[in-house]
């Protein structure tokens, strides 16, 4: 499921590791339950509303990342050259 490998790391950001682990756990639960949020929340041992809140935040982060990538592509000139 979730594997944490810190070999070769000189430092680590705890909030980053926790966030990535949480994202992987939520994705695992959603895959395991074919997207059923009630069952996924039960698997994770959290209230459904907590899962929904976390899913909304994850979606917002993914949307921001997608938007940033699109903005970077559209701000470049032809063939990606400014």
PDB file of N, CA and C in Angstrom:
ATOM      1  N   UNK A   1       0.850  -1.174   0.000  1.00  0.00           N
ATOM      2  CA  UNK A   1       0.000   0.000   0.000  1.00  0.00           C
ATOM      3  C   UNK A   1       0.894   1.236   0.000  1.00  0.00           C
ATOM      4  N   UNK A   2       1.124   1.846   1.121  1.00  0.00           N
ATOM      5  CA  UNK A   2       1.933   3.058   1.195  1.00  0.00           C
ATOM      6  C   UNK A   2       3.319   2.684   1.694  1.00  0.00           C
ATOM      7  N   UNK A   3       4.332   3.064   0.937  1.00  0.00           N
ATOM      8  CA  UNK A   3       5.710   2.773   1.342  1.00  0.00           C
ATOM      9  C   UNK A   3       6.461   4.088   1.468  1.00  0.00           C
ATOM     10  N   UNK A   4       7.120   4.261   2.569  1.00  0.00           N
ATOM     11  CA  UNK A   4       7.891   5.470   2.811  1.00  0.00           C
ATOM     12  C   UNK A   4       9.358   5.105   2.695  1.00  0.00           C
ATOM     13  N   UNK A   5      10.028   5.702   1.717  1.00  0.00           N
ATOM     14  CA  UNK A   5      11.440   5.422   1.508  1.00  0.00           C
ATOM     15  C   UNK A   5      12.207   6.730   1.638  1.00  0.00           C
ATOM     16  N   UNK A   6      12.976   6.837   2.700  1.00  0.00           N
ATOM     17  CA  UNK A   6      13.746   8.054   2.941  1.00  0.00           C
ATOM     18  C   UNK A   6      15.242   7.826   2.762  1.00  0.00           C
ATOM     19  N   UNK A   7      15.617   6.688   2.159  1.00  0.00           N
ATOM     20  CA  UNK A   7      17.028   6.402   1.920  1.00  0.00           C
ATOM     21  C   UNK A   7      17.654   7.521   1.108  1.00  0.00           C
ATOM     22  N   UNK A   8      18.799   7.979   1.549  1.00  0.00           N
ATOM     23  CA  UNK A   8      19.528   9.012   0.824  1.00  0.00           C
ATOM     24  C   UNK A   8      19.027  10.422   1.062  1.00  0.00           C
ATOM     25  N   UNK A   9      17.983  10.586   1.869  1.00  0.00           N
ATOM     26  CA  UNK A   9      17.442  11.912   2.147  1.00  0.00           C
ATOM     27  C   UNK A   9      18.225  12.565   3.274  1.00  0.00           C
ATOM     28  N   UNK A  10      18.646  13.790   3.061  1.00  0.00           N
ATOM     29  CA  UNK A  10      19.314  14.525   4.127  1.00  0.00           C
ATOM     30  C   UNK A  10      18.308  15.216   5.030  1.00  0.00           C
ATOM     31  N   UNK A  11      17.178  15.572   4.469  1.00  0.00           N
ATOM     32  CA  UNK A  11      16.117  16.186   5.260  1.00  0.00           C
ATOM     33  C   UNK A  11      14.781  15.806   4.640  1.00  0.00           C
ATOM     34  N   UNK A  12      13.753  16.006   5.416  1.00  0.00           N
ATOM     35  CA  UNK A  12      12.418  15.675   4.941  1.00  0.00           C
ATOM     36  C   UNK A  12      11.430  16.661   5.543  1.00  0.00           C
ATOM     37  N   UNK A  13      10.445  17.035   4.757  1.00  0.00           N
ATOM     38  CA  UNK A  13       9.396  17.915   5.235  1.00  0.00           C
ATOM     39  C   UNK A  13       8.240  17.057   5.743  1.00  0.00           C
ATOM     40  N   UNK A  14       8.030  17.063   7.028  1.00  0.00           N
ATOM     41  CA  UNK A  14       6.986  16.240   7.615  1.00  0.00           C
ATOM     42  C   UNK A  14       5.604  16.555   7.018  1.00  0.00           C
ATOM     43  N   UNK A  15       5.226  17.833   6.874  1.00  0.00           N
ATOM     44  CA  UNK A  15       3.921  18.109   6.270  1.00  0.00           C
ATOM     45  C   UNK A  15       3.799  17.554   4.838  1.00  0.00           C
ATOM     46  N   UNK A  16       4.882  17.590   4.086  1.00  0.00           N
ATOM     47  CA  UNK A  16       4.847  17.060   2.719  1.00  0.00           C
ATOM     48  C   UNK A  16       4.648  15.556   2.739  1.00  0.00           C
ATOM     49  N   UNK A  17       5.390  14.866   3.590  1.00  0.00           N
ATOM     50  CA  UNK A  17       5.277  13.407   3.684  1.00  0.00           C
ATOM     51  C   UNK A  17       3.884  13.011   4.152  1.00  0.00           C
ATOM     52  N   UNK A  18       3.364  13.705   5.146  1.00  0.00           N
ATOM     53  CA  UNK A  18       2.022  13.400   5.648  1.00  0.00           C
ATOM     54  C   UNK A  18       0.980  13.648   4.564  1.00  0.00           C
ATOM     55  N   UNK A  19       1.103  14.741   3.856  1.00  0.00           N
ATOM     56  CA  UNK A  19       0.153  15.048   2.784  1.00  0.00           C
ATOM     57  C   UNK A  19       0.183  14.025   1.663  1.00  0.00           C
ATOM     58  N   UNK A  20       1.383  13.616   1.258  1.00  0.00           N
ATOM     59  CA  UNK A  20       1.511  12.613   0.195  1.00  0.00           C
ATOM     60  C   UNK A  20       0.960  11.263   0.649  1.00  0.00           C
ATOM     61  N   UNK A  21       1.242  10.902   1.899  1.00  0.00           N
ATOM     62  CA  UNK A  21       0.742   9.634   2.438  1.00  0.00           C
ATOM     63  C   UNK A  21      -0.781   9.658   2.516  1.00  0.00           C
ATOM     64  N   UNK A  22      -1.344  10.764   2.969  1.00  0.00           N
ATOM     65  CA  UNK A  22      -2.799  10.903   3.051  1.00  0.00           C
ATOM     66  C   UNK A  22      -3.430  10.787   1.667  1.00  0.00           C
ATOM     67  N   UNK A  23      -2.825  11.449   0.684  1.00  0.00           N
ATOM     68  CA  UNK A  23      -3.335  11.381  -0.691  1.00  0.00           C
ATOM     69  C   UNK A  23      -3.319   9.944  -1.207  1.00  0.00           C
ATOM     70  N   UNK A  24      -2.232   9.226  -0.953  1.00  0.00           N
ATOM     71  CA  UNK A  24      -2.134   7.834  -1.398  1.00  0.00           C
ATOM     72  C   UNK A  24      -3.165   6.949  -0.703  1.00  0.00           C
ATOM     73  N   UNK A  25      -3.369   7.157   0.592  1.00  0.00           N
ATOM     74  CA  UNK A  25      -4.369   6.375   1.324  1.00  0.00           C
ATOM     75  C   UNK A  25      -5.776   6.631   0.800  1.00  0.00           C
ATOM     76  N   UNK A  26      -6.082   7.883   0.554  1.00  0.00           N
ATOM     77  CA  UNK A  26      -7.408   8.228   0.031  1.00  0.00           C
ATOM     78  C   UNK A  26      -7.593   7.621  -1.354  1.00  0.00           C
ATOM     79  N   UNK A  27      -6.579   7.698  -2.190  1.00  0.00           N
ATOM     80  CA  UNK A  27      -6.672   7.112  -3.535  1.00  0.00           C
ATOM     81  C   UNK A  27      -6.862   5.597  -3.443  1.00  0.00           C
ATOM     82  N   UNK A  28      -6.119   4.950  -2.535  1.00  0.00           N
ATOM     83  CA  UNK A  28      -6.259   3.507  -2.335  1.00  0.00           C
ATOM     84  C   UNK A  28      -7.693   3.155  -1.943  1.00  0.00           C
ATOM     85  N   UNK A  29      -8.234   3.887  -0.961  1.00  0.00           N
ATOM     86  CA  UNK A  29      -9.590   3.598  -0.481  1.00  0.00           C
ATOM     87  C   UNK A  29     -10.631   3.843  -1.568  1.00  0.00           C
ATOM     88  N   UNK A  30     -10.451   4.918  -2.328  1.00  0.00           N
ATOM     89  CA  UNK A  30     -11.414   5.215  -3.400  1.00  0.00           C
ATOM     90  C   UNK A  30     -11.340   4.152  -4.498  1.00  0.00           C
ATOM     91  N   UNK A  31     -10.142   3.690  -4.816  1.00  0.00           N
ATOM     92  CA  UNK A  31      -9.992   2.626  -5.817  1.00  0.00           C
ATOM     93  C   UNK A  31     -10.606   1.324  -5.310  1.00  0.00           C
ATOM     94  N   UNK A  32     -10.324   1.002  -4.060  1.00  0.00           N
ATOM     95  CA  UNK A  32     -10.793  -0.252  -3.458  1.00  0.00           C
ATOM     96  C   UNK A  32     -12.326  -0.313  -3.405  1.00  0.00           C
ATOM     97  N   UNK A  33     -12.966   0.843  -3.267  1.00  0.00           N
ATOM     98  CA  UNK A  33     -14.428   0.892  -3.136  1.00  0.00           C
ATOM     99  C   UNK A  33     -15.107   1.376  -4.413  1.00  0.00           C
ATOM    100  N   UNK A  34     -14.354   1.420  -5.497  1.00  0.00           N
ATOM    101  CA  UNK A  34     -14.883   1.892  -6.788  1.00  0.00           C
ATOM    102  C   UNK A  34     -15.513   3.276  -6.663  1.00  0.00           C
ATOM    103  N   UNK A  35     -14.907   4.121  -5.838  1.00  0.00           N
ATOM    104  CA  UNK A  35     -15.362   5.501  -5.710  1.00  0.00           C
ATOM    105  C   UNK A  35     -16.475   5.729  -4.703  1.00  0.00           C
ATOM    106  N   UNK A  36     -16.863   4.707  -3.972  1.00  0.00           N
ATOM    107  CA  UNK A  36     -17.926   4.855  -2.976  1.00  0.00           C
ATOM    108  C   UNK A  36     -17.357   5.564  -1.746  1.00  0.00           C
ATOM    109  N   UNK A  37     -17.747   6.809  -1.563  1.00  0.00           N
ATOM    110  CA  UNK A  37     -17.184   7.623  -0.491  1.00  0.00           C
ATOM    111  C   UNK A  37     -17.552   7.120   0.899  1.00  0.00           C
ATOM    112  N   UNK A  38     -18.741   6.602   1.069  1.00  0.00           N
ATOM    113  CA  UNK A  38     -19.155   6.096   2.382  1.00  0.00           C
ATOM    114  C   UNK A  38     -18.287   4.902   2.764  1.00  0.00           C
ATOM    115  N   UNK A  39     -18.125   3.958   1.838  1.00  0.00           N
ATOM    116  CA  UNK A  39     -17.296   2.777   2.133  1.00  0.00           C
ATOM    117  C   UNK A  39     -15.832   3.155   2.276  1.00  0.00           C
ATOM    118  N   UNK A  40     -15.352   4.092   1.463  1.00  0.00           N
ATOM    119  CA  UNK A  40     -13.954   4.534   1.567  1.00  0.00           C
ATOM    120  C   UNK A  40     -13.693   5.171   2.929  1.00  0.00           C
ATOM    121  N   UNK A  41     -14.622   5.987   3.376  1.00  0.00           N
ATOM    122  CA  UNK A  41     -14.478   6.621   4.693  1.00  0.00           C
ATOM    123  C   UNK A  41     -14.446   5.566   5.790  1.00  0.00           C
ATOM    124  N   UNK A  42     -15.289   4.545   5.667  1.00  0.00           N
ATOM    125  CA  UNK A  42     -15.289   3.462   6.657  1.00  0.00           C
ATOM    126  C   UNK A  42     -13.949   2.734   6.655  1.00  0.00           C
ATOM    127  N   UNK A  43     -13.394   2.458   5.462  1.00  0.00           N
ATOM    128  CA  UNK A  43     -12.088   1.795   5.371  1.00  0.00           C
ATOM    129  C   UNK A  43     -10.995   2.612   6.057  1.00  0.00           C
ATOM    130  N   UNK A  44     -11.079   3.921   5.889  1.00  0.00           N
ATOM    131  CA  UNK A  44     -10.070   4.813   6.441  1.00  0.00           C
ATOM    132  C   UNK A  44     -10.322   5.160   7.907  1.00  0.00           C
ATOM    133  N   UNK A  45     -11.516   4.846   8.389  1.00  0.00           N
ATOM    134  CA  UNK A  45     -11.837   5.137   9.789  1.00  0.00           C
ATOM    135  C   UNK A  45     -12.069   6.611  10.061  1.00  0.00           C
ATOM    136  N   UNK A  46     -12.606   7.308   9.056  1.00  0.00           N
ATOM    137  CA  UNK A  46     -12.898   8.737   9.220  1.00  0.00           C
ATOM    138  C   UNK A  46     -14.356   8.982   8.848  1.00  0.00           C
ATOM    139  N   UNK A  47     -14.944  10.066   9.352  1.00  0.00           N
ATOM    140  CA  UNK A  47     -16.302  10.409   8.942  1.00  0.00           C
ATOM    141  C   UNK A  47     -16.351  10.722   7.434  1.00  0.00           C
ATOM    142  N   UNK A  48     -17.480  10.428   6.828  1.00  0.00           N
ATOM    143  CA  UNK A  48     -17.655  10.690   5.401  1.00  0.00           C
ATOM    144  C   UNK A  48     -17.408  12.161   5.074  1.00  0.00           C
ATOM    145  N   UNK A  49     -17.841  13.043   5.947  1.00  0.00           N
ATOM    146  CA  UNK A  49     -17.660  14.477   5.701  1.00  0.00           C
ATOM    147  C   UNK A  49     -16.181  14.867   5.702  1.00  0.00           C
ATOM    148  N   UNK A  50     -15.390  14.186   6.531  1.00  0.00           N
ATOM    149  CA  UNK A  50     -13.947  14.443   6.543  1.00  0.00           C
ATOM    150  C   UNK A  50     -13.336  14.006   5.217  1.00  0.00           C
ATOM    151  N   UNK A  51     -13.724  12.820   4.752  1.00  0.00           N
ATOM    152  CA  UNK A  51     -13.223  12.338   3.460  1.00  0.00           C
ATOM    153  C   UNK A  51     -13.626  13.291   2.340  1.00  0.00           C
ATOM    154  N   UNK A  52     -14.874  13.733   2.342  1.00  0.00           N
ATOM    155  CA  UNK A  52     -15.335  14.647   1.300  1.00  0.00           C
ATOM    156  C   UNK A  52     -14.548  15.959   1.321  1.00  0.00           C
ATOM    157  N   UNK A  53     -14.255  16.457   2.500  1.00  0.00           N
ATOM    158  CA  UNK A  53     -13.477  17.683   2.629  1.00  0.00           C
ATOM    159  C   UNK A  53     -12.066  17.487   2.070  1.00  0.00           C
ATOM    160  N   UNK A  54     -11.456  16.362   2.410  1.00  0.00           N
ATOM    161  CA  UNK A  54     -10.106  16.082   1.926  1.00  0.00           C
ATOM    162  C   UNK A  54     -10.103  15.871   0.412  1.00  0.00           C
ATOM    163  N   UNK A  55     -11.126  15.209  -0.111  1.00  0.00           N
ATOM    164  CA  UNK A  55     -11.231  15.021  -1.555  1.00  0.00           C
ATOM    165  C   UNK A  55     -11.371  16.368  -2.269  1.00  0.00           C
ATOM    166  N   UNK A  56     -12.151  17.266  -1.696  1.00  0.00           N
ATOM    167  CA  UNK A  56     -12.323  18.594  -2.291  1.00  0.00           C
ATOM    168  C   UNK A  56     -10.998  19.349  -2.302  1.00  0.00           C
ATOM    169  N   UNK A  57     -10.245  19.260  -1.208  1.00  0.00           N
ATOM    170  CA  UNK A  57      -8.940  19.932  -1.150  1.00  0.00           C
ATOM    171  C   UNK A  57      -7.974  19.320  -2.159  1.00  0.00           C
ATOM    172  N   UNK A  58      -7.971  17.984  -2.258  1.00  0.00           N
ATOM    173  CA  UNK A  58      -7.093  17.323  -3.222  1.00  0.00           C
ATOM    174  C   UNK A  58      -7.459  17.719  -4.645  1.00  0.00           C
ATOM    175  N   UNK A  59      -8.753  17.796  -4.917  1.00  0.00           N
ATOM    176  CA  UNK A  59      -9.210  18.199  -6.250  1.00  0.00           C
ATOM    177  C   UNK A  59      -8.792  19.635  -6.547  1.00  0.00           C
ATOM    178  N   UNK A  60      -8.886  20.504  -5.554  1.00  0.00           N
ATOM    179  CA  UNK A  60      -8.493  21.902  -5.737  1.00  0.00           C
ATOM    180  C   UNK A  60      -7.002  21.996  -6.034  1.00  0.00           C
ATOM    181  N   UNK A  61      -6.196  21.206  -5.343  1.00  0.00           N
ATOM    182  CA  UNK A  61      -4.750  21.212  -5.577  1.00  0.00           C
ATOM    183  C   UNK A  61      -4.450  20.699  -6.977  1.00  0.00           C
ATOM    184  N   UNK A  62      -5.120  19.613  -7.382  1.00  0.00           N
ATOM    185  CA  UNK A  62      -4.903  19.068  -8.723  1.00  0.00           C
ATOM    186  C   UNK A  62      -5.344  20.068  -9.782  1.00  0.00           C
ATOM    187  N   UNK A  63      -6.463  20.734  -9.552  1.00  0.00           N
ATOM    188  CA  UNK A  63      -6.964  21.726 -10.496  1.00  0.00           C
ATOM    189  C   UNK A  63      -5.997  22.897 -10.603  1.00  0.00           C
ATOM    190  N   UNK A  64      -5.457  23.357  -9.464  1.00  0.00           N
ATOM    191  CA  UNK A  64      -4.469  24.439  -9.475  1.00  0.00           C
ATOM    192  C   UNK A  64      -3.232  24.036 -10.261  1.00  0.00           C
ATOM    193  N   UNK A  65      -2.774  22.796 -10.081  1.00  0.00           N
ATOM    194  CA  UNK A  65      -1.593  22.322 -10.788  1.00  0.00           C
ATOM    195  C   UNK A  65      -1.871  22.248 -12.286  1.00  0.00           C
ATOM    196  N   UNK A  66      -3.057  21.746 -12.656  1.00  0.00           N
ATOM    197  CA  UNK A  66      -3.429  21.676 -14.069  1.00  0.00           C
ATOM    198  C   UNK A  66      -3.531  23.066 -14.672  1.00  0.00           C
ATOM    199  N   UNK A  67      -4.125  23.995 -13.942  1.00  0.00           N
ATOM    200  CA  UNK A  67      -4.280  25.369 -14.416  1.00  0.00           C
ATOM    201  C   UNK A  67      -2.917  26.017 -14.609  1.00  0.00           C
ATOM    202  N   UNK A  68      -2.006  25.798 -13.672  1.00  0.00           N
ATOM    203  CA  UNK A  68      -0.664  26.367 -13.785  1.00  0.00           C
ATOM    204  C   UNK A  68       0.052  25.830 -15.011  1.00  0.00           C
ATOM    205  N   UNK A  69      -0.107  24.538 -15.276  1.00  0.00           N
ATOM    206  CA  UNK A  69       0.546  23.941 -16.444  1.00  0.00           C
ATOM    207  C   UNK A  69      -0.033  24.514 -17.731  1.00  0.00           C
ATOM    208  N   UNK A  70      -1.347  24.674 -17.774  1.00  0.00           N
ATOM    209  CA  UNK A  70      -1.991  25.230 -18.961  1.00  0.00           C
ATOM    210  C   UNK A  70      -1.578  26.685 -19.149  1.00  0.00           C
ATOM    211  N   UNK A  71      -1.534  27.454 -18.065  1.00  0.00           N
ATOM    212  CA  UNK A  71      -1.119  28.857 -18.154  1.00  0.00           C
ATOM    213  C   UNK A  71       0.312  28.965 -18.659  1.00  0.00           C
ATOM    214  N   UNK A  72       1.173  28.071 -18.212  1.00  0.00           N
ATOM    215  CA  UNK A  72       2.565  28.096 -18.655  1.00  0.00           C
ATOM    216  C   UNK A  72       2.652  27.782 -20.145  1.00  0.00           C
ATOM    217  N   UNK A  73       1.835  26.835 -20.601  1.00  0.00           N
ATOM    218  CA  UNK A  73       1.839  26.473 -22.016  1.00  0.00           C
ATOM    219  C   UNK A  73       1.288  27.612 -22.875  1.00  0.00           C
ATOM    220  N   UNK A  74       0.216  28.244 -22.415  1.00  0.00           N
ATOM    221  CA  UNK A  74      -0.414  29.278 -23.231  1.00  0.00           C
ATOM    222  C   UNK A  74       0.343  30.599 -23.197  1.00  0.00           C
ATOM    223  N   UNK A  75       1.166  30.805 -22.162  1.00  0.00           N
ATOM    224  CA  UNK A  75       1.931  32.053 -22.117  1.00  0.00           C
ATOM    225  C   UNK A  75       3.174  31.976 -22.979  1.00  0.00           C
ATOM    226  N   UNK A  76       3.583  30.769 -23.324  1.00  0.00           N
ATOM    227  CA  UNK A  76       4.751  30.616 -24.199  1.00  0.00           C
ATOM    228  C   UNK A  76       4.328  30.931 -25.623  1.00  0.00           C
ATOM    229  N   UNK A  77       5.273  31.337 -26.397  1.00  0.00           N
ATOM    230  CA  UNK A  77       5.003  31.631 -27.804  1.00  0.00           C
ATOM    231  C   UNK A  77       4.867  30.353 -28.589  1.00  0.00           C
ATOM    232  N   UNK A  78       4.869  30.452 -29.940  1.00  0.00           N
ATOM    233  CA  UNK A  78       4.778  29.275 -30.794  1.00  0.00           C
ATOM    234  C   UNK A  78       5.906  28.282 -30.458  1.00  0.00           C
ATOM    235  N   UNK A  79       5.575  27.024 -30.489  1.00  0.00           N
ATOM    236  CA  UNK A  79       6.525  25.948 -30.201  1.00  0.00           C
ATOM    237  C   UNK A  79       7.093  26.050 -28.780  1.00  0.00           C
ATOM    238  N   UNK A  80       6.351  26.694 -27.877  1.00  0.00           N
ATOM    239  CA  UNK A  80       6.761  26.781 -26.483  1.00  0.00           C
ATOM    240  C   UNK A  80       7.907  27.738 -26.242  1.00  0.00           C
ATOM    241  N   UNK A  81       8.171  28.626 -27.195  1.00  0.00           N
ATOM    242  CA  UNK A  81       9.261  29.595 -27.049  1.00  0.00           C
ATOM    243  C   UNK A  81       8.672  30.955 -26.801  1.00  0.00           C
ATOM    244  N   UNK A  82       9.175  31.674 -25.811  1.00  0.00           N
ATOM    245  CA  UNK A  82       8.675  33.030 -25.512  1.00  0.00           C
ATOM    246  C   UNK A  82       9.184  34.011 -26.524  1.00  0.00           C
TER     247      UNK A  82
END
